[in-house]
Amino acid sequence: MLTRTRISKALDVGRLGAAICRPGMDTRIWVSLAVAKADSMVMDDGVFVDVTLVPSGEEITARVGADYEGPGFGFYSKIKKDDDLVVAIPSGDSSIGSVVIKRLWSAADAPPDKADTYKDDVVLVIEKDKNIRITVSGGGTVCLGDFDPAEFVALADKVKSEFQKVADHQALLENVINGSVSPQPPNAPDVLWVALKAALVGQLYPTPGSVAAETVKAK
């Protein structure tokens, strides 16, 4: 090494890279594998996650890309600590911003079993104990295939009505257990009401004929 010289003894990686850079040889990293250092964070100006680039070990904060986004709407699912990622580095300079473009399956995060069971289908399996939330606004509706949304609403109302009947019947049984009879709910069949009142006061269950009569009345 030269002495009494202004030439630095430290290797200037930037100047070295510029010296050897030519078409077909670019020392910049444009895309890198990465590992999430922590869960992603939702901020006012986007979604971000701290990552460690592989194999360089450089630690950076990257924006999280989205398949569908806009002002106040879009598709979002949280990146979790230790998730394997693919990070794009625009212009090959991580200091001006990097973007997570994909998450990767791994031995630690294997695909769901159903993906192998239904190989030819599009499979969505939600994480255990988590919910999927779909919110529409304005005139938007949730459509399942060619199913008419109006028919879906009618079916939902019918199911809700049937569940209400079950709840009313459950309330009747609880009244018998508690030793009281409240006014007959509007959805309670007459035959059930007669039987419950008889049970409460210790009377014999109505005869088959009377049950049939009450059943006809309920219809």
Protein backbone atom coordinates (compact mmCIF):
# COMPACT_ATOMS: atom_id res chain seq x y z
CA MET A 1 0.00 0.00 0.00
CA LEU A 2 1.31 3.45 -0.89
CA THR A 3 2.31 5.80 1.93
CA ARG A 4 2.27 9.59 1.98
CA THR A 5 -0.53 9.59 -0.55
CA ARG A 6 -4.02 11.06 -0.75
CA ILE A 7 -5.39 7.77 -2.09
CA SER A 8 -7.69 6.25 0.51
CA LYS A 9 -6.73 2.88 1.90
CA ALA A 10 -10.45 1.90 2.19
CA LEU A 11 -12.09 0.28 -0.81
CA ASP A 12 -14.56 2.67 -2.44
CA VAL A 13 -17.27 0.25 -3.51
CA GLY A 14 -19.25 2.95 -5.30
CA ARG A 15 -16.32 4.04 -7.49
CA LEU A 16 -15.35 0.43 -8.11
CA GLY A 17 -18.86 -0.40 -9.24
CA ALA A 18 -18.97 2.62 -11.53
CA ALA A 19 -15.61 1.64 -13.05
CA ILE A 20 -16.71 -1.85 -14.02
CA CYS A 21 -20.30 -1.01 -14.94
CA ARG A 22 -21.05 -1.53 -18.60
CA PRO A 23 -23.89 -3.00 -20.72
CA GLY A 24 -24.62 -6.47 -19.41
CA MET A 25 -22.97 -5.76 -16.05
CA ASP A 26 -24.96 -3.83 -13.45
CA THR A 27 -23.87 -3.98 -9.82
CA ARG A 28 -27.17 -2.62 -8.53
CA ILE A 29 -29.77 -4.91 -6.91
CA TRP A 30 -33.20 -4.41 -8.45
CA VAL A 31 -35.10 -7.33 -6.90
CA SER A 32 -34.26 -9.18 -3.71
CA LEU A 33 -35.58 -11.87 -1.44
CA ALA A 34 -36.35 -10.58 2.05
CA VAL A 35 -37.66 -11.60 5.47
CA ALA A 36 -40.13 -9.47 7.45
CA LYS A 37 -38.61 -8.21 10.71
CA ALA A 38 -42.04 -7.39 12.17
CA ASP A 39 -45.72 -7.24 11.24
CA SER A 40 -46.68 -4.68 8.61
CA MET A 41 -48.03 -1.32 9.79
CA VAL A 42 -50.96 0.68 8.40
CA MET A 43 -49.99 4.36 8.25
CA ASP A 44 -51.74 7.47 6.95
CA ASP A 45 -49.64 7.38 3.77
CA GLY A 46 -49.70 3.63 3.10
CA VAL A 47 -48.74 0.23 4.47
CA PHE A 48 -45.11 -0.41 5.43
CA VAL A 49 -43.00 -3.27 6.77
CA ASP A 50 -39.42 -3.50 8.04
CA VAL A 51 -37.48 -6.21 6.18
CA THR A 52 -34.02 -7.73 5.95
CA LEU A 53 -32.78 -8.26 2.41
CA VAL A 54 -31.34 -11.70 1.58
CA PRO A 55 -28.46 -12.40 1.24
CA SER A 56 -27.04 -8.89 1.71
CA GLY A 57 -28.50 -8.50 5.21
CA GLU A 58 -29.41 -4.86 4.53
CA GLU A 59 -32.32 -3.70 6.69
CA ILE A 60 -34.84 -1.36 5.11
CA THR A 61 -38.45 -0.22 5.39
CA ALA A 62 -40.49 -1.16 2.33
CA ARG A 63 -43.92 -0.17 1.14
CA VAL A 64 -46.41 -3.01 0.77
CA GLY A 65 -47.82 -3.35 -2.72
CA ALA A 66 -51.52 -4.05 -3.25
CA ASP A 67 -53.38 -5.92 -5.99
CA TYR A 68 -56.35 -3.57 -5.61
CA GLU A 69 -56.20 -0.13 -3.99
CA GLY A 70 -57.61 3.37 -4.08
CA PRO A 71 -58.71 6.25 -1.82
CA GLY A 72 -60.40 4.55 1.11
CA PHE A 73 -60.80 1.14 -0.55
CA GLY A 74 -58.74 -1.85 -1.61
CA PHE A 75 -57.62 -5.33 -0.67
CA TYR A 76 -55.48 -5.63 2.47
CA SER A 77 -54.00 -8.54 4.42
CA LYS A 78 -51.29 -8.12 7.02
CA ILE A 79 -47.72 -9.25 6.48
CA LYS A 80 -46.44 -11.10 9.54
CA LYS A 81 -43.03 -11.27 11.16
CA ASP A 82 -40.71 -13.82 9.47
CA ASP A 83 -42.80 -13.96 6.28
CA ASP A 84 -40.68 -14.65 3.17
CA LEU A 85 -41.03 -11.80 0.67
CA VAL A 86 -39.93 -10.55 -2.75
CA VAL A 87 -38.91 -6.89 -2.67
CA ALA A 88 -38.51 -4.65 -5.72
CA ILE A 89 -35.94 -1.85 -5.48
CA PRO A 90 -36.67 0.90 -8.06
CA SER A 91 -33.53 2.23 -9.76
CA GLY A 92 -31.54 -0.27 -7.72
CA ASP A 93 -31.34 2.21 -4.83
CA SER A 94 -33.05 1.09 -1.62
CA SER A 95 -32.65 4.56 -0.10
CA ILE A 96 -35.27 6.03 -2.41
CA GLY A 97 -37.88 3.40 -1.64
CA SER A 98 -38.57 -0.31 -1.97
CA VAL A 99 -41.80 -2.22 -2.49
CA VAL A 100 -42.95 -5.65 -1.32
CA ILE A 101 -44.44 -7.23 -4.43
CA LYS A 102 -45.09 -10.81 -3.29
CA ARG A 103 -45.17 -13.18 -0.35
CA LEU A 104 -43.76 -16.68 -0.68
CA TRP A 105 -44.78 -20.09 0.60
CA SER A 106 -42.05 -21.87 2.53
CA ALA A 107 -41.51 -24.93 4.72
CA ALA A 108 -42.57 -22.83 7.71
CA ASP A 109 -45.56 -21.34 5.84
CA ALA A 110 -46.77 -24.23 3.70
CA PRO A 111 -49.78 -23.86 1.35
CA PRO A 112 -53.15 -24.97 2.80
CA ASP A 113 -54.06 -28.64 2.42
CA LYS A 114 -57.08 -27.70 0.32
CA ALA A 115 -54.78 -26.24 -2.34
CA ASP A 116 -53.51 -29.77 -2.95
CA THR A 117 -56.96 -31.33 -2.58
CA TYR A 118 -58.59 -29.01 -5.14
CA LYS A 119 -55.69 -28.60 -7.57
CA ASP A 120 -57.78 -27.15 -10.42
CA ASP A 121 -59.74 -24.66 -8.31
CA VAL A 122 -59.02 -21.19 -7.00
CA VAL A 123 -58.70 -21.77 -3.25
CA LEU A 124 -59.00 -19.17 -0.49
CA VAL A 125 -58.41 -20.43 3.06
CA ILE A 126 -58.65 -17.83 5.83
CA GLU A 127 -56.32 -18.05 8.82
CA LYS A 128 -57.82 -19.84 11.84
CA ASP A 129 -60.00 -17.64 14.08
CA LYS A 130 -59.80 -14.75 11.58
CA ASN A 131 -62.60 -13.19 9.55
CA ILE A 132 -63.01 -12.15 5.95
CA ARG A 133 -64.75 -8.79 5.68
CA ILE A 134 -66.39 -7.54 2.48
CA THR A 135 -67.74 -4.00 2.56
CA VAL A 136 -69.67 -2.42 -0.31
CA SER A 137 -71.07 1.11 -0.49
CA GLY A 138 -73.40 3.16 -2.63
CA GLY A 139 -75.24 0.89 -5.03
CA GLY A 140 -72.69 -1.93 -4.68
CA THR A 141 -73.78 -5.47 -3.89
CA VAL A 142 -72.01 -8.74 -3.15
CA CYS A 143 -72.67 -11.12 -6.06
CA LEU A 144 -71.98 -14.85 -5.99
CA GLY A 145 -71.71 -16.00 -9.60
CA ASP A 146 -74.93 -15.35 -11.52
CA PHE A 147 -77.03 -15.45 -8.35
CA ASP A 148 -79.45 -12.51 -8.30
CA PRO A 149 -78.64 -10.28 -5.29
CA ALA A 150 -82.39 -9.73 -4.76
CA GLU A 151 -82.89 -13.49 -4.46
CA PHE A 152 -79.99 -13.66 -2.04
CA VAL A 153 -81.61 -10.99 0.16
CA ALA A 154 -84.94 -12.82 0.06
CA LEU A 155 -83.23 -16.08 1.04
CA ALA A 156 -81.37 -14.34 3.86
CA ASP A 157 -84.64 -12.87 5.17
CA LYS A 158 -86.25 -16.30 5.07
CA VAL A 159 -83.37 -17.88 6.96
CA LYS A 160 -83.50 -15.06 9.51
CA SER A 161 -87.24 -15.64 9.95
CA GLU A 162 -86.74 -19.37 10.53
CA PHE A 163 -84.02 -18.70 13.08
CA GLN A 164 -86.38 -16.31 14.87
CA LYS A 165 -88.98 -19.08 15.10
CA VAL A 166 -86.40 -21.40 16.62
CA ALA A 167 -85.48 -18.68 19.11
CA ASP A 168 -89.16 -18.20 20.03
CA HIS A 169 -89.59 -21.92 20.60
CA GLN A 170 -86.47 -21.96 22.76
CA ALA A 171 -87.94 -19.11 24.81
CA LEU A 172 -91.09 -21.18 25.39
CA LEU A 173 -89.06 -24.11 26.68
CA GLU A 174 -87.13 -21.81 29.01
CA ASN A 175 -90.42 -20.45 30.36
CA VAL A 176 -91.56 -23.97 31.21
CA ILE A 177 -88.25 -24.69 32.94
CA ASN A 178 -88.49 -21.43 34.90
CA GLY A 179 -92.11 -22.10 35.87
CA SER A 180 -93.80 -19.24 34.03
CA VAL A 181 -95.74 -18.74 30.83
CA SER A 182 -95.57 -15.42 29.03
CA PRO A 183 -98.00 -14.28 26.31
CA GLN A 184 -97.86 -16.51 23.26
CA PRO A 185 -95.24 -15.28 20.76
CA PRO A 186 -96.65 -14.60 17.29
CA ASN A 187 -94.47 -17.27 15.64
CA ALA A 188 -95.26 -20.03 18.13
CA PRO A 189 -97.60 -22.76 16.75
CA ASP A 190 -100.81 -23.14 18.78
CA VAL A 191 -100.23 -26.86 19.29
CA LEU A 192 -96.86 -26.20 20.95
CA TRP A 193 -98.34 -23.48 23.12
CA VAL A 194 -101.17 -25.75 24.31
CA ALA A 195 -98.71 -28.51 25.14
CA LEU A 196 -96.42 -26.19 27.09
CA LYS A 197 -99.25 -24.71 29.14
CA ALA A 198 -100.47 -28.19 29.95
CA ALA A 199 -97.00 -29.25 31.03
CA LEU A 200 -96.61 -26.19 33.23
CA VAL A 201 -99.82 -26.75 35.22
CA GLY A 202 -99.26 -30.49 35.49
CA GLN A 203 -102.05 -31.51 33.15
CA LEU A 204 -101.88 -34.50 30.85
CA TYR A 205 -100.57 -33.86 27.37
CA PRO A 206 -103.47 -33.18 24.97
CA THR A 207 -105.01 -36.23 23.36
CA PRO A 208 -104.00 -37.10 19.79
CA GLY A 209 -107.28 -35.72 18.53
CA SER A 210 -106.84 -32.36 20.19
CA VAL A 211 -103.23 -32.16 19.01
CA ALA A 212 -104.39 -32.78 15.47
CA ALA A 213 -107.02 -30.08 15.82
CA GLU A 214 -104.50 -27.59 17.13
CA THR A 215 -102.11 -28.56 14.33
CA VAL A 216 -104.78 -27.80 11.75
CA LYS A 217 -105.44 -24.50 13.47
CA ALA A 218 -101.72 -23.66 13.38
CA LYS A 219 -101.66 -24.30 9.63
